[in-house]
């Protein structure tokens, strides 16, 4: 039986296959890059990885995955460790980005032996601060610290991740905020609120779309966030109080801060789109969001009857 002569297309395909195979055999998969942090020329936009290594586009090992830097997150009273997007073996250090599209970008100017991860996004060494693997110009590594979700500070700047952190615009200058004492006010029950509260040694601030807004007359030393006051698909508001005042977005005129207590969250939409009211009490009234729950004669219901176990009936919400 005689074989048919190969067609031109088949010959070309065979040459390509043989050439690719020869290239694959001649290269050295798994070869370790000698000094990837000093890589010359444009860095590849992506790299690959397996269970043990990150590779460049030529299959050369950049760094072992076991050297992923961990960071500690405080969750209530517990501290937990999580992997960051930074990898350092003490000799070289990379920002690897996200697992779906890893970048494996070396940290320019970093001291690999001193780099620590602060979160998934942030890292620093003894002289530099990095956000998403990029050097943050003019950041002071010695005083740099995170302020909860999306914010950080040093002695010179307040950093807002929502504004974009770049070398050209490293931080947000906020007039008349005392950075040395600035801290986020947290309530662990709230998760990740849309509106964040901060305080320094003089003032309390509500942070929204327009940046830092001073809450007039709020007492920094005694101010605390309680829980949901009202929520919808668009926004959430929170009950908060200090030694003199209660707030549900705006001041609750007449509410007693000493006895004001959060009870629970009431679904106003019956399983429809998200909308709810926070229920609270003080010594004289029940509050449904910012409104007092009143009888037909205009007086308040007895707040001592209001219970989280049966909000609708016991708190007279029908």
Protein backbone atom coordinates (compact mmCIF):
# COMPACT_ATOMS: atom_id res chain seq x y z
CA UNK A 1 0.00 0.00 0.00
CA UNK A 2 1.50 3.33 -1.03
CA UNK A 3 1.14 6.49 1.01
CA UNK A 4 -0.23 9.68 -0.48
CA UNK A 5 2.20 12.57 -0.99
CA UNK A 6 1.87 15.33 1.60
CA UNK A 7 0.05 18.46 0.55
CA UNK A 8 1.81 21.81 0.84
CA UNK A 9 -0.40 22.87 3.77
CA UNK A 10 0.40 19.66 5.63
CA UNK A 11 4.13 20.16 5.05
CA UNK A 12 3.94 23.70 6.45
CA UNK A 13 1.99 22.48 9.48
CA UNK A 14 4.56 19.75 10.09
CA UNK A 15 7.42 22.26 9.96
CA UNK A 16 5.64 24.52 12.49
CA UNK A 17 4.97 21.63 14.87
CA UNK A 18 8.56 20.38 14.68
CA UNK A 19 9.90 23.93 15.21
CA UNK A 20 7.73 24.59 18.25
CA UNK A 21 8.68 21.22 19.70
CA UNK A 22 12.37 21.92 19.21
CA UNK A 23 12.02 25.33 20.91
CA UNK A 24 10.19 23.76 23.83
CA UNK A 25 12.90 21.12 24.29
CA UNK A 26 15.76 23.61 24.01
CA UNK A 27 14.42 26.13 26.52
CA UNK A 28 14.79 25.49 30.25
CA UNK A 29 11.38 25.42 31.89
CA UNK A 30 11.63 26.04 35.60
CA UNK A 31 14.92 27.93 35.31
CA UNK A 32 15.12 30.54 38.04
CA UNK A 33 15.54 34.16 36.99
CA UNK A 34 18.86 35.42 38.36
CA UNK A 35 17.73 38.88 39.45
CA UNK A 36 14.14 39.58 38.37
CA UNK A 37 13.89 42.71 40.51
CA UNK A 38 16.48 44.29 38.20
CA UNK A 39 14.58 43.27 35.06
CA UNK A 40 15.55 45.51 32.12
CA UNK A 41 12.92 46.76 29.69
CA UNK A 42 9.12 46.63 29.81
CA UNK A 43 7.83 44.14 32.33
CA UNK A 44 5.33 41.59 30.93
CA UNK A 45 1.75 42.53 31.77
CA UNK A 46 0.95 39.02 32.93
CA UNK A 47 2.62 35.97 34.37
CA UNK A 48 1.45 32.46 35.13
CA UNK A 49 1.59 30.21 38.16
CA UNK A 50 0.98 26.73 39.42
CA UNK A 51 0.70 25.34 42.94
CA UNK A 52 4.34 26.11 43.70
CA UNK A 53 5.74 28.88 41.47
CA UNK A 54 5.10 32.11 39.62
CA UNK A 55 6.56 32.05 36.07
CA UNK A 56 7.25 34.72 33.50
CA UNK A 57 6.02 34.43 29.90
CA UNK A 58 9.03 32.26 28.97
CA UNK A 59 8.36 29.76 31.73
CA UNK A 60 11.20 31.00 33.93
CA UNK A 61 10.50 30.78 37.66
CA UNK A 62 10.29 34.21 39.27
CA UNK A 63 9.53 33.22 42.84
CA UNK A 64 7.97 30.44 44.90
CA UNK A 65 4.35 30.90 45.97
CA UNK A 66 5.16 29.77 49.51
CA UNK A 67 6.73 33.19 50.04
CA UNK A 68 3.40 35.06 49.78
CA UNK A 69 3.40 37.67 52.55
CA UNK A 70 0.63 37.40 55.12
CA UNK A 71 -1.13 40.30 56.82
CA UNK A 72 -3.14 40.39 60.03
CA UNK A 73 -6.72 41.63 60.12
CA UNK A 74 -8.53 42.44 63.34
CA UNK A 75 -12.08 41.06 63.30
CA UNK A 76 -13.85 42.00 66.50
CA UNK A 77 -11.70 40.59 69.29
CA UNK A 78 -9.99 38.08 66.99
CA UNK A 79 -6.93 38.52 64.78
CA UNK A 80 -6.73 36.49 61.57
CA UNK A 81 -4.01 36.14 58.96
CA UNK A 82 -4.70 36.41 55.24
CA UNK A 83 -2.48 36.15 52.14
CA UNK A 84 -1.62 39.46 50.47
CA UNK A 85 -0.81 40.24 46.84
CA UNK A 86 2.90 40.61 47.69
CA UNK A 87 5.53 37.86 47.52
CA UNK A 88 9.06 38.12 48.95
CA UNK A 89 11.73 35.51 49.68
CA UNK A 90 14.08 38.05 51.26
CA UNK A 91 16.07 38.52 48.05
CA UNK A 92 13.40 39.65 45.59
CA UNK A 93 9.87 40.92 45.98
CA UNK A 94 6.88 41.10 43.61
CA UNK A 95 3.38 42.41 43.53
CA UNK A 96 1.46 39.60 41.84
CA UNK A 97 -1.91 41.33 41.51
CA UNK A 98 -4.99 39.13 41.35
CA UNK A 99 -4.97 35.41 40.71
CA UNK A 100 -7.12 35.77 37.59
CA UNK A 101 -4.65 38.13 35.93
CA UNK A 102 -1.36 37.96 37.88
CA UNK A 103 1.20 40.61 36.92
CA UNK A 104 4.33 39.59 38.88
CA UNK A 105 5.67 43.14 38.92
CA UNK A 106 8.89 43.72 40.90
CA UNK A 107 8.72 46.44 43.53
CA UNK A 108 11.08 49.13 42.32
CA UNK A 109 13.56 50.26 44.97
CA UNK A 110 12.16 47.98 47.65
CA UNK A 111 14.28 46.27 50.28
CA UNK A 112 13.06 42.65 49.95
CA UNK A 113 14.31 41.73 53.41
CA UNK A 114 12.25 44.52 55.03
CA UNK A 115 8.98 44.41 53.05
CA UNK A 116 5.85 43.65 55.08
CA UNK A 117 2.26 43.39 53.86
CA UNK A 118 -0.26 45.66 55.58
CA UNK A 119 -3.30 44.44 53.63
CA UNK A 120 -4.09 42.90 50.26
CA UNK A 121 -3.40 46.28 48.61
CA UNK A 122 -0.73 47.91 50.78
CA UNK A 123 2.87 47.05 51.69
CA UNK A 124 5.91 48.92 52.95
CA UNK A 125 9.59 48.50 53.75
CA UNK A 126 11.74 50.70 55.97
CA UNK A 127 11.72 53.60 53.49
CA UNK A 128 8.88 53.13 50.97
CA UNK A 129 5.13 52.57 50.80
CA UNK A 130 3.44 50.65 47.97
CA UNK A 131 -0.17 50.50 46.77
CA UNK A 132 -1.03 47.83 44.19
CA UNK A 133 2.70 47.36 43.68
CA UNK A 134 3.29 51.02 42.79
CA UNK A 135 5.50 53.30 44.83
CA UNK A 136 3.51 55.99 46.66
CA UNK A 137 5.55 59.16 46.34
CA UNK A 138 6.23 61.24 49.46
CA UNK A 139 4.69 58.64 51.79
CA UNK A 140 6.39 58.35 55.17
CA UNK A 141 6.94 54.65 55.83
CA UNK A 142 7.85 55.17 59.48
CA UNK A 143 4.46 56.69 60.37
CA UNK A 144 2.27 55.07 57.71
CA UNK A 145 -0.74 53.13 59.03
CA UNK A 146 -4.10 51.89 57.79
CA UNK A 147 -7.36 53.41 59.00
CA UNK A 148 -9.83 50.59 58.44
CA UNK A 149 -11.30 50.03 54.99
CA UNK A 150 -10.14 52.29 52.16
CA UNK A 151 -8.19 54.85 54.22
CA UNK A 152 -4.63 55.25 55.48
CA UNK A 153 -2.48 58.04 56.88
CA UNK A 154 1.04 59.18 57.67
CA UNK A 155 2.32 62.41 59.19
CA UNK A 156 1.73 64.34 55.95
CA UNK A 157 -1.24 62.84 54.13
CA UNK A 158 -4.58 61.14 54.38
CA UNK A 159 -4.93 58.42 51.72
CA UNK A 160 -8.33 57.58 50.27
CA UNK A 161 -8.34 54.49 48.04
CA UNK A 162 -11.61 55.64 46.46
CA UNK A 163 -9.84 58.72 45.11
CA UNK A 164 -7.12 56.63 43.45
CA UNK A 165 -3.61 56.32 44.83
CA UNK A 166 -0.92 57.25 42.30
CA UNK A 167 2.58 58.65 42.39
CA UNK A 168 1.24 61.93 41.01
CA UNK A 169 -1.61 62.12 43.55
CA UNK A 170 -0.43 60.13 46.54
CA UNK A 171 -2.76 61.47 49.19
CA UNK A 172 -5.66 63.72 50.01
CA UNK A 173 -4.93 66.90 51.91
CA UNK A 174 -7.71 67.51 54.42
CA UNK A 175 -7.77 70.93 55.98
CA UNK A 176 -7.73 71.16 59.76
CA UNK A 177 -7.78 67.42 60.48
CA UNK A 178 -5.35 66.38 63.23
CA UNK A 179 -3.65 63.46 61.47
CA UNK A 180 -1.68 62.31 64.50
CA UNK A 181 -4.89 61.40 66.39
CA UNK A 182 -7.19 60.63 63.43
CA UNK A 183 -8.85 57.20 63.71
CA UNK A 184 -11.83 55.36 62.30
CA UNK A 185 -14.80 54.80 64.61
CA UNK A 186 -15.85 51.19 64.26
CA UNK A 187 -18.79 49.11 65.33
CA UNK A 188 -18.06 45.48 64.49
CA UNK A 189 -21.77 44.75 63.91
CA UNK A 190 -21.92 47.14 60.96
CA UNK A 191 -19.59 45.30 58.57
CA UNK A 192 -18.50 47.70 55.81
CA UNK A 193 -20.75 50.79 55.99
CA UNK A 194 -21.30 53.08 53.03
CA UNK A 195 -20.69 56.05 55.25
CA UNK A 196 -17.66 56.00 57.55
CA UNK A 197 -17.12 57.87 60.77
CA UNK A 198 -13.73 59.19 61.86
CA UNK A 199 -12.57 61.28 64.79
CA UNK A 200 -9.48 63.11 65.91
CA UNK A 201 -8.80 64.70 69.30
CA UNK A 202 -11.18 67.58 68.54
CA UNK A 203 -13.87 66.64 66.02
CA UNK A 204 -15.99 63.86 64.54
CA UNK A 205 -16.21 63.44 60.75
CA UNK A 206 -18.68 61.74 58.45
CA UNK A 207 -17.00 60.59 55.25
CA UNK A 208 -19.16 60.40 52.12
CA UNK A 209 -19.04 61.31 48.46
CA UNK A 210 -17.94 64.86 49.28
CA UNK A 211 -15.08 63.81 51.52
CA UNK A 212 -14.66 64.64 55.19
CA UNK A 213 -17.57 66.54 56.71
CA UNK A 214 -17.42 67.78 60.29
CA UNK A 215 -20.40 66.77 62.46
CA UNK A 216 -21.15 70.03 64.27
CA UNK A 217 -21.03 69.93 68.08
CA UNK A 218 -20.21 66.20 68.23
CA UNK A 219 -18.01 65.28 71.20
CA UNK A 220 -15.01 63.31 69.99
CA UNK A 221 -14.29 61.59 73.31
CA UNK A 222 -17.78 60.12 73.82
CA UNK A 223 -19.03 59.67 70.22
CA UNK A 224 -20.03 56.14 69.21
CA UNK A 225 -21.83 54.51 66.28
CA UNK A 226 -24.68 52.21 67.34
CA UNK A 227 -26.31 50.51 64.34
CA UNK A 228 -28.61 50.92 61.34
CA UNK A 229 -31.04 53.83 61.53
CA UNK A 230 -32.42 53.44 58.02
CA UNK A 231 -31.36 51.73 54.81
CA UNK A 232 -32.37 51.52 51.18
CA UNK A 233 -30.74 50.33 47.96
CA UNK A 234 -28.98 53.67 47.65
CA UNK A 235 -27.66 54.39 51.13
CA UNK A 236 -27.55 53.58 54.81
CA UNK A 237 -27.82 55.84 57.83
CA UNK A 238 -26.73 54.99 61.35
CA UNK A 239 -27.80 55.78 64.87
CA UNK A 240 -24.93 57.46 66.69
CA UNK A 241 -24.64 59.31 69.96
CA UNK A 242 -22.30 61.20 72.25
CA UNK A 243 -22.81 62.42 75.81
CA UNK A 244 -25.12 65.23 74.64
CA UNK A 245 -26.82 64.25 71.36
CA UNK A 246 -28.34 61.39 69.33
CA UNK A 247 -28.17 61.26 65.51
CA UNK A 248 -29.95 59.40 62.75
CA UNK A 249 -28.19 61.21 59.93
CA UNK A 250 -29.46 64.45 61.47
CA UNK A 251 -29.91 65.24 65.15
CA UNK A 252 -32.81 63.51 66.91
CA UNK A 253 -34.22 66.47 68.80
CA UNK A 254 -35.29 65.51 72.33
CA UNK A 255 -33.74 62.02 72.33
CA UNK A 256 -31.94 61.15 75.57
CA UNK A 257 -28.36 60.00 74.85
CA UNK A 258 -27.90 58.39 78.26
CA UNK A 259 -30.77 55.91 77.85
CA UNK A 260 -30.87 55.71 74.03
CA UNK A 261 -30.50 52.04 73.04
CA UNK A 262 -30.62 50.23 69.70
CA UNK A 263 -33.18 47.38 69.61
CA UNK A 264 -33.19 45.92 66.09
CA UNK A 265 -33.79 46.37 62.35
CA UNK A 266 -37.33 46.29 60.93
CA UNK A 267 -38.03 45.32 57.30
CA UNK A 268 -40.24 48.04 55.83
CA UNK A 269 -40.65 46.40 52.41
CA UNK A 270 -41.84 42.93 53.35
CA UNK A 271 -39.20 41.02 51.45
CA UNK A 272 -39.11 43.40 48.47
CA UNK A 273 -36.27 45.79 47.61
CA UNK A 274 -33.95 46.44 50.57
CA UNK A 275 -35.48 49.06 52.85
CA UNK A 276 -35.51 49.00 56.61
CA UNK A 277 -35.70 51.13 59.72
CA UNK A 278 -33.63 50.85 62.85
CA UNK A 279 -35.69 50.56 66.01
CA UNK A 280 -34.41 52.18 69.19
CA UNK A 281 -35.70 53.44 72.52
CA UNK A 282 -34.85 55.99 75.16
CA UNK A 283 -36.50 56.57 78.54
CA UNK A 284 -39.63 58.11 77.02
CA UNK A 285 -40.16 56.93 73.42
CA UNK A 286 -39.73 54.26 70.76
CA UNK A 287 -37.93 55.39 67.57
CA UNK A 288 -38.57 54.04 64.07
CA UNK A 289 -35.62 55.51 62.28
CA UNK A 290 -35.75 59.23 62.91
CA UNK A 291 -39.47 59.22 63.84
CA UNK A 292 -41.03 58.66 67.24
CA UNK A 293 -43.67 55.91 67.40
CA UNK A 294 -46.77 57.61 68.79
CA UNK A 295 -50.32 56.81 69.80
CA UNK A 296 -53.30 58.43 68.11
CA UNK A 297 -53.28 61.14 70.79
CA UNK A 298 -49.70 62.10 69.92
CA UNK A 299 -48.03 60.65 73.00
CA UNK A 300 -45.26 58.04 72.91
CA UNK A 301 -45.81 54.35 73.53
CA UNK A 302 -44.14 52.92 76.61
CA UNK A 303 -40.59 52.05 75.45
CA UNK A 304 -40.19 49.30 78.06
CA UNK A 305 -42.54 47.07 75.99
CA UNK A 306 -40.30 47.17 72.90
CA UNK A 307 -38.39 43.92 72.36
CA UNK A 308 -36.09 42.64 69.62
CA UNK A 309 -37.81 39.25 69.75
CA UNK A 310 -41.08 40.69 68.41
CA UNK A 311 -40.41 44.12 66.90
CA UNK A 312 -43.65 44.60 64.98
CA UNK A 313 -46.04 43.93 67.90
CA UNK A 314 -44.05 44.91 70.98
CA UNK A 315 -42.73 48.12 69.42
CA UNK A 316 -46.15 49.08 67.90
CA UNK A 317 -44.92 49.16 64.28
CA UNK A 318 -48.13 47.92 62.60
